């Protein structure tokens, strides 16, 4: 990767050029797409109680807040029993989604910092 300002070569993961300090354009990390059909799972990252509404929102590709509000309204409208029972059944039946893969880029060590003066 080359700096857009000074044209020097810098590391691929750099956000700033360490020669001139220019901010670099953000490069989207590679997405690893698992082939095959999508599965309805409980969310491992967007969960309040068990991740059922978060998983449903991820599956439908909508905001989880909207799903939670609609689910709460449907639960109240049906007299609480059906909504709570459906949530507990989904909690027991749906598998937990695997944790997302996070690519951590190594940070160059800055060395010892400035020495404190007395």
N, C-alpha and C. Protein backbone atom coordinates (compact mmCIF):
# COMPACT_ATOMS: atom_id res chain seq x y z
N UNK A 1 0.86 -1.17 0.00
CA UNK A 1 0.00 0.00 0.00
C UNK A 1 0.91 1.23 0.00
N UNK A 2 0.50 2.24 -0.75
CA UNK A 2 1.28 3.46 -0.85
C UNK A 2 0.47 4.64 -0.32
N UNK A 3 1.14 5.58 0.35
CA UNK A 3 0.50 6.78 0.86
C UNK A 3 0.00 7.62 -0.31
N UNK A 4 -1.18 8.18 -0.16
CA UNK A 4 -1.76 8.99 -1.24
C UNK A 4 -1.12 10.37 -1.32
N UNK A 5 -0.41 10.77 -0.28
CA UNK A 5 0.20 12.10 -0.25
C UNK A 5 1.69 12.06 -0.63
N UNK A 6 2.48 11.27 0.11
CA UNK A 6 3.93 11.28 -0.11
C UNK A 6 4.41 10.11 -0.99
N UNK A 7 3.52 9.22 -1.34
CA UNK A 7 3.80 8.09 -2.24
C UNK A 7 4.82 7.10 -1.68
N UNK A 8 4.97 7.05 -0.36
CA UNK A 8 5.87 6.07 0.24
C UNK A 8 5.08 4.82 0.58
N UNK A 9 5.80 3.72 0.61
CA UNK A 9 5.14 2.46 0.91
C UNK A 9 4.92 2.35 2.42
N UNK A 10 3.68 1.98 2.79
CA UNK A 10 3.32 1.79 4.20
C UNK A 10 2.62 0.45 4.34
N UNK A 11 2.42 0.03 5.57
CA UNK A 11 1.78 -1.26 5.82
C UNK A 11 0.32 -1.24 5.36
N UNK A 12 -0.18 -2.40 4.98
CA UNK A 12 -1.54 -2.52 4.45
C UNK A 12 -2.61 -2.12 5.47
N UNK A 13 -2.35 -2.32 6.75
CA UNK A 13 -3.35 -2.07 7.78
C UNK A 13 -3.30 -0.65 8.33
N UNK A 14 -2.46 0.22 7.78
CA UNK A 14 -2.28 1.57 8.32
C UNK A 14 -3.46 2.47 8.00
N UNK A 15 -3.89 3.23 9.00
CA UNK A 15 -4.93 4.24 8.81
C UNK A 15 -4.30 5.60 8.50
N UNK A 16 -3.06 5.79 8.97
CA UNK A 16 -2.34 7.02 8.74
C UNK A 16 -0.95 6.69 8.21
N UNK A 17 -0.42 7.56 7.37
CA UNK A 17 0.95 7.39 6.90
C UNK A 17 1.89 7.76 8.03
N UNK A 18 2.84 6.88 8.34
CA UNK A 18 3.75 7.19 9.43
C UNK A 18 4.95 8.02 8.98
N UNK A 19 4.95 8.46 7.72
CA UNK A 19 5.97 9.39 7.25
C UNK A 19 5.44 10.83 7.26
N UNK A 20 4.24 11.03 6.67
CA UNK A 20 3.72 12.39 6.58
C UNK A 20 2.46 12.61 7.42
N UNK A 21 1.84 11.55 7.95
CA UNK A 21 0.68 11.70 8.82
C UNK A 21 -0.66 11.80 8.11
N UNK A 22 -0.70 11.64 6.80
CA UNK A 22 -1.94 11.75 6.04
C UNK A 22 -2.84 10.57 6.33
N UNK A 23 -4.13 10.84 6.53
CA UNK A 23 -5.11 9.77 6.75
C UNK A 23 -5.30 9.01 5.44
N UNK A 24 -5.30 7.71 5.53
CA UNK A 24 -5.43 6.85 4.36
C UNK A 24 -6.89 6.45 4.16
N UNK A 25 -7.25 6.17 2.94
CA UNK A 25 -8.61 5.73 2.64
C UNK A 25 -8.83 4.37 3.30
N UNK A 26 -10.00 4.19 3.89
CA UNK A 26 -10.29 2.94 4.56
C UNK A 26 -10.51 1.85 3.52
N UNK A 27 -9.82 0.77 3.71
CA UNK A 27 -9.96 -0.37 2.83
C UNK A 27 -10.86 -1.36 3.52
N UNK A 28 -11.90 -1.76 2.84
CA UNK A 28 -12.84 -2.72 3.42
C UNK A 28 -12.14 -4.06 3.62
N UNK A 29 -12.28 -4.63 4.81
CA UNK A 29 -11.65 -5.93 5.03
C UNK A 29 -12.34 -6.99 4.17
N UNK A 30 -11.62 -8.02 3.82
CA UNK A 30 -12.23 -9.05 3.00
C UNK A 30 -13.37 -9.74 3.76
N UNK A 31 -14.45 -9.95 3.07
CA UNK A 31 -15.59 -10.61 3.69
C UNK A 31 -15.53 -12.09 3.36
N UNK A 32 -15.64 -12.89 4.37
CA UNK A 32 -15.65 -14.32 4.18
C UNK A 32 -17.09 -14.79 4.21
N UNK A 33 -17.62 -15.11 3.06
CA UNK A 33 -19.00 -15.50 2.93
C UNK A 33 -19.08 -17.02 2.96
N UNK A 34 -19.89 -17.50 3.85
CA UNK A 34 -20.09 -18.94 3.94
C UNK A 34 -21.13 -19.33 2.90
N UNK A 35 -20.76 -20.20 1.97
CA UNK A 35 -21.74 -20.60 0.96
C UNK A 35 -22.85 -21.45 1.57
N UNK A 36 -23.97 -21.43 0.90
CA UNK A 36 -25.09 -22.25 1.36
C UNK A 36 -26.23 -21.39 1.86
N UNK A 37 -27.32 -22.02 2.24
CA UNK A 37 -28.49 -21.27 2.71
C UNK A 37 -28.24 -20.67 4.09
N UNK A 38 -28.90 -19.55 4.33
CA UNK A 38 -28.80 -18.91 5.64
C UNK A 38 -29.64 -19.70 6.63
N UNK A 39 -29.19 -19.71 7.88
CA UNK A 39 -29.91 -20.41 8.92
C UNK A 39 -30.43 -19.40 9.94
N UNK A 40 -31.59 -19.69 10.47
CA UNK A 40 -32.13 -18.88 11.54
C UNK A 40 -31.48 -19.33 12.84
N UNK A 41 -30.72 -18.43 13.46
CA UNK A 41 -30.01 -18.74 14.70
C UNK A 41 -30.23 -17.62 15.69
N UNK A 42 -29.94 -17.91 16.96
CA UNK A 42 -29.94 -16.85 17.96
C UNK A 42 -28.67 -16.03 17.79
N UNK A 43 -28.77 -14.74 17.95
CA UNK A 43 -27.62 -13.86 17.75
C UNK A 43 -26.65 -13.98 18.91
N UNK A 44 -25.36 -14.06 18.58
CA UNK A 44 -24.35 -14.10 19.63
C UNK A 44 -23.83 -12.70 19.96
N UNK A 45 -24.16 -11.72 19.15
CA UNK A 45 -23.67 -10.36 19.37
C UNK A 45 -24.78 -9.37 19.73
N UNK A 46 -25.99 -9.58 19.25
CA UNK A 46 -27.09 -8.64 19.47
C UNK A 46 -28.16 -9.34 20.30
N UNK A 47 -27.90 -9.49 21.59
CA UNK A 47 -28.88 -10.19 22.43
C UNK A 47 -29.17 -9.38 23.68
N UNK A 48 -30.42 -9.41 24.11
CA UNK A 48 -30.83 -8.80 25.36
C UNK A 48 -31.08 -9.88 26.40
N UNK A 49 -31.87 -10.88 26.05
CA UNK A 49 -32.14 -11.98 26.97
C UNK A 49 -31.46 -13.24 26.44
N UNK A 50 -31.88 -13.70 25.27
CA UNK A 50 -31.31 -14.94 24.72
C UNK A 50 -30.87 -14.79 23.27
N UNK A 51 -31.09 -13.64 22.66
CA UNK A 51 -30.67 -13.42 21.28
C UNK A 51 -31.68 -13.85 20.23
N UNK A 52 -32.91 -14.15 20.66
CA UNK A 52 -33.93 -14.62 19.70
C UNK A 52 -34.33 -13.49 18.76
N UNK A 53 -34.69 -12.33 19.29
CA UNK A 53 -35.10 -11.21 18.43
C UNK A 53 -33.92 -10.69 17.61
N UNK A 54 -32.72 -10.68 18.17
CA UNK A 54 -31.54 -10.27 17.43
C UNK A 54 -31.25 -11.21 16.28
N UNK A 55 -31.39 -12.51 16.51
CA UNK A 55 -31.18 -13.49 15.44
C UNK A 55 -32.24 -13.38 14.36
N UNK A 56 -33.48 -13.14 14.76
CA UNK A 56 -34.56 -12.97 13.79
C UNK A 56 -34.32 -11.71 12.95
N UNK A 57 -33.81 -10.65 13.59
CA UNK A 57 -33.51 -9.41 12.86
C UNK A 57 -32.36 -9.62 11.88
N UNK A 58 -31.33 -10.36 12.30
CA UNK A 58 -30.21 -10.64 11.39
C UNK A 58 -30.67 -11.48 10.21
N UNK A 59 -31.55 -12.42 10.45
CA UNK A 59 -32.06 -13.28 9.39
C UNK A 59 -32.88 -12.49 8.37
N UNK A 60 -33.71 -11.57 8.87
CA UNK A 60 -34.56 -10.77 7.98
C UNK A 60 -33.86 -9.50 7.50
N UNK A 61 -32.62 -9.24 8.00
CA UNK A 61 -31.84 -8.06 7.63
C UNK A 61 -32.57 -6.75 7.91
N UNK A 62 -33.14 -6.66 9.12
CA UNK A 62 -33.79 -5.44 9.59
C UNK A 62 -33.18 -5.08 10.94
N UNK A 63 -33.51 -3.90 11.43
CA UNK A 63 -33.00 -3.45 12.72
C UNK A 63 -33.61 -4.26 13.84
N UNK A 64 -32.79 -4.63 14.81
CA UNK A 64 -33.27 -5.47 15.90
C UNK A 64 -34.26 -4.73 16.81
N UNK A 65 -34.15 -3.41 16.89
CA UNK A 65 -35.10 -2.64 17.68
C UNK A 65 -36.51 -2.75 17.15
N UNK A 66 -36.64 -2.74 15.83
CA UNK A 66 -37.96 -2.88 15.21
C UNK A 66 -38.54 -4.25 15.52
N UNK A 67 -37.73 -5.29 15.42
CA UNK A 67 -38.21 -6.65 15.70
C UNK A 67 -38.64 -6.75 17.16
N UNK A 68 -37.88 -6.16 18.07
CA UNK A 68 -38.23 -6.23 19.49
C UNK A 68 -39.54 -5.49 19.78
N UNK A 69 -39.74 -4.34 19.17
CA UNK A 69 -40.98 -3.59 19.39
C UNK A 69 -42.18 -4.36 18.84
N UNK A 70 -42.05 -4.89 17.63
CA UNK A 70 -43.15 -5.65 17.02
C UNK A 70 -43.44 -6.89 17.85
N UNK A 71 -42.40 -7.58 18.32
CA UNK A 71 -42.60 -8.78 19.12
C UNK A 71 -43.28 -8.44 20.45
N UNK A 72 -42.88 -7.34 21.07
CA UNK A 72 -43.51 -6.93 22.32
C UNK A 72 -44.98 -6.58 22.11
N UNK A 73 -45.29 -5.87 21.03
CA UNK A 73 -46.69 -5.53 20.74
C UNK A 73 -47.52 -6.77 20.46
N UNK A 74 -46.97 -7.72 19.72
CA UNK A 74 -47.69 -8.96 19.45
C UNK A 74 -47.89 -9.78 20.73
N UNK A 75 -46.90 -9.76 21.61
CA UNK A 75 -47.02 -10.47 22.87
C UNK A 75 -48.12 -9.87 23.73
N UNK A 76 -48.18 -8.55 23.80
CA UNK A 76 -49.23 -7.89 24.57
C UNK A 76 -50.59 -8.13 23.94
N UNK A 77 -50.67 -8.06 22.61
CA UNK A 77 -51.95 -8.23 21.91
C UNK A 77 -52.50 -9.64 22.05
N UNK A 78 -51.64 -10.63 22.21
CA UNK A 78 -52.13 -12.02 22.31
C UNK A 78 -52.28 -12.48 23.75
N UNK A 79 -52.17 -11.58 24.70
CA UNK A 79 -52.40 -11.94 26.08
C UNK A 79 -51.18 -12.51 26.79
N UNK A 80 -50.01 -12.19 26.35
CA UNK A 80 -48.73 -12.55 26.97
C UNK A 80 -48.36 -14.02 26.87
N UNK A 81 -49.27 -14.94 27.07
CA UNK A 81 -48.92 -16.36 27.14
C UNK A 81 -48.28 -16.86 25.86
N UNK A 82 -48.90 -16.60 24.70
CA UNK A 82 -48.37 -17.10 23.44
C UNK A 82 -47.01 -16.50 23.12
N UNK A 83 -46.84 -15.22 23.35
CA UNK A 83 -45.56 -14.57 23.04
C UNK A 83 -44.43 -15.08 23.91
N UNK A 84 -44.69 -15.23 25.21
CA UNK A 84 -43.66 -15.74 26.12
C UNK A 84 -43.34 -17.19 25.81
N UNK A 85 -44.37 -17.99 25.55
CA UNK A 85 -44.15 -19.40 25.22
C UNK A 85 -43.36 -19.54 23.92
N UNK A 86 -43.68 -18.74 22.90
CA UNK A 86 -42.96 -18.79 21.62
C UNK A 86 -41.51 -18.38 21.81
N UNK A 87 -41.24 -17.39 22.67
CA UNK A 87 -39.87 -16.95 22.92
C UNK A 87 -39.06 -18.05 23.60
N UNK A 88 -39.66 -18.70 24.59
CA UNK A 88 -38.97 -19.77 25.32
C UNK A 88 -38.69 -20.95 24.39
N UNK A 89 -39.65 -21.30 23.55
CA UNK A 89 -39.45 -22.40 22.60
C UNK A 89 -38.34 -22.04 21.61
N UNK A 90 -38.35 -20.81 21.10
CA UNK A 90 -37.29 -20.38 20.18
C UNK A 90 -35.94 -20.39 20.88
N UNK A 91 -35.90 -20.01 22.14
CA UNK A 91 -34.68 -20.02 22.92
C UNK A 91 -34.10 -21.43 23.02
N UNK A 92 -34.97 -22.40 23.20
CA UNK A 92 -34.53 -23.79 23.33
C UNK A 92 -34.20 -24.45 22.00
N UNK A 93 -34.91 -24.08 20.94
CA UNK A 93 -34.78 -24.77 19.66
C UNK A 93 -33.68 -24.17 18.77
N UNK A 94 -33.59 -22.84 18.72
CA UNK A 94 -32.63 -22.20 17.81
C UNK A 94 -31.21 -22.33 18.33
N UNK A 95 -30.28 -22.73 17.46
CA UNK A 95 -28.88 -22.80 17.90
C UNK A 95 -28.28 -21.40 17.99
N UNK A 96 -27.27 -21.26 18.84
CA UNK A 96 -26.57 -20.00 18.98
C UNK A 96 -25.63 -19.81 17.80
N UNK A 97 -25.66 -18.63 17.20
CA UNK A 97 -24.79 -18.33 16.06
C UNK A 97 -23.34 -18.31 16.52
N UNK A 98 -22.42 -18.74 15.65
CA UNK A 98 -21.01 -18.68 16.05
C UNK A 98 -20.57 -17.23 16.18
N UNK A 99 -19.58 -17.01 17.02
CA UNK A 99 -19.05 -15.66 17.21
C UNK A 99 -18.44 -15.18 15.91
N UNK A 100 -18.59 -13.88 15.59
CA UNK A 100 -18.05 -13.38 14.34
C UNK A 100 -16.52 -13.43 14.34
N UNK A 101 -15.97 -13.64 13.17
CA UNK A 101 -14.52 -13.68 13.00
C UNK A 101 -14.02 -12.26 12.94
N UNK A 102 -13.12 -11.91 13.83
CA UNK A 102 -12.56 -10.56 13.87
C UNK A 102 -11.08 -10.65 13.53
N UNK A 103 -10.69 -9.95 12.49
CA UNK A 103 -9.30 -9.94 12.07
C UNK A 103 -8.59 -8.81 12.81
N UNK A 104 -7.63 -9.17 13.63
CA UNK A 104 -6.88 -8.18 14.39
C UNK A 104 -5.56 -7.95 13.69
N UNK A 105 -5.30 -6.71 13.32
CA UNK A 105 -4.05 -6.40 12.64
C UNK A 105 -3.01 -6.04 13.69
N UNK A 106 -1.79 -6.48 13.48
CA UNK A 106 -0.75 -6.17 14.46
C UNK A 106 -0.42 -4.68 14.48
N UNK A 107 -0.27 -4.16 15.66
CA UNK A 107 0.08 -2.74 15.80
C UNK A 107 1.58 -2.63 15.99
N UNK A 108 2.24 -1.76 15.25
CA UNK A 108 3.67 -1.60 15.44
C UNK A 108 3.95 -1.03 16.83
N UNK A 109 4.99 -1.54 17.46
CA UNK A 109 5.30 -1.05 18.80
C UNK A 109 5.94 0.33 18.68
N UNK A 110 5.52 1.20 19.55
CA UNK A 110 6.01 2.58 19.52
C UNK A 110 7.28 2.74 20.32
N UNK A 111 7.66 1.72 21.07
CA UNK A 111 8.85 1.83 21.88
C UNK A 111 8.55 2.52 23.19
N UNK A 112 9.57 2.80 23.95
CA UNK A 112 9.32 3.46 25.24
C UNK A 112 8.82 4.88 25.05
N UNK A 113 7.94 5.28 25.90
CA UNK A 113 7.39 6.62 25.83
C UNK A 113 8.32 7.64 26.42
N UNK A 114 7.89 8.87 26.48
CA UNK A 114 8.74 9.92 27.05
C UNK A 114 8.95 9.68 28.55
N UNK A 115 10.09 10.03 29.03
CA UNK A 115 10.36 9.85 30.44
C UNK A 115 9.76 10.99 31.22
N UNK A 116 9.14 10.67 32.36
CA UNK A 116 8.52 11.76 33.15
C UNK A 116 9.60 12.63 33.78
N UNK A 117 9.35 13.90 33.76
CA UNK A 117 10.32 14.83 34.35
C UNK A 117 9.87 15.19 35.77
N UNK A 118 10.84 15.44 36.60
CA UNK A 118 10.51 15.72 38.01
C UNK A 118 10.23 17.18 38.24
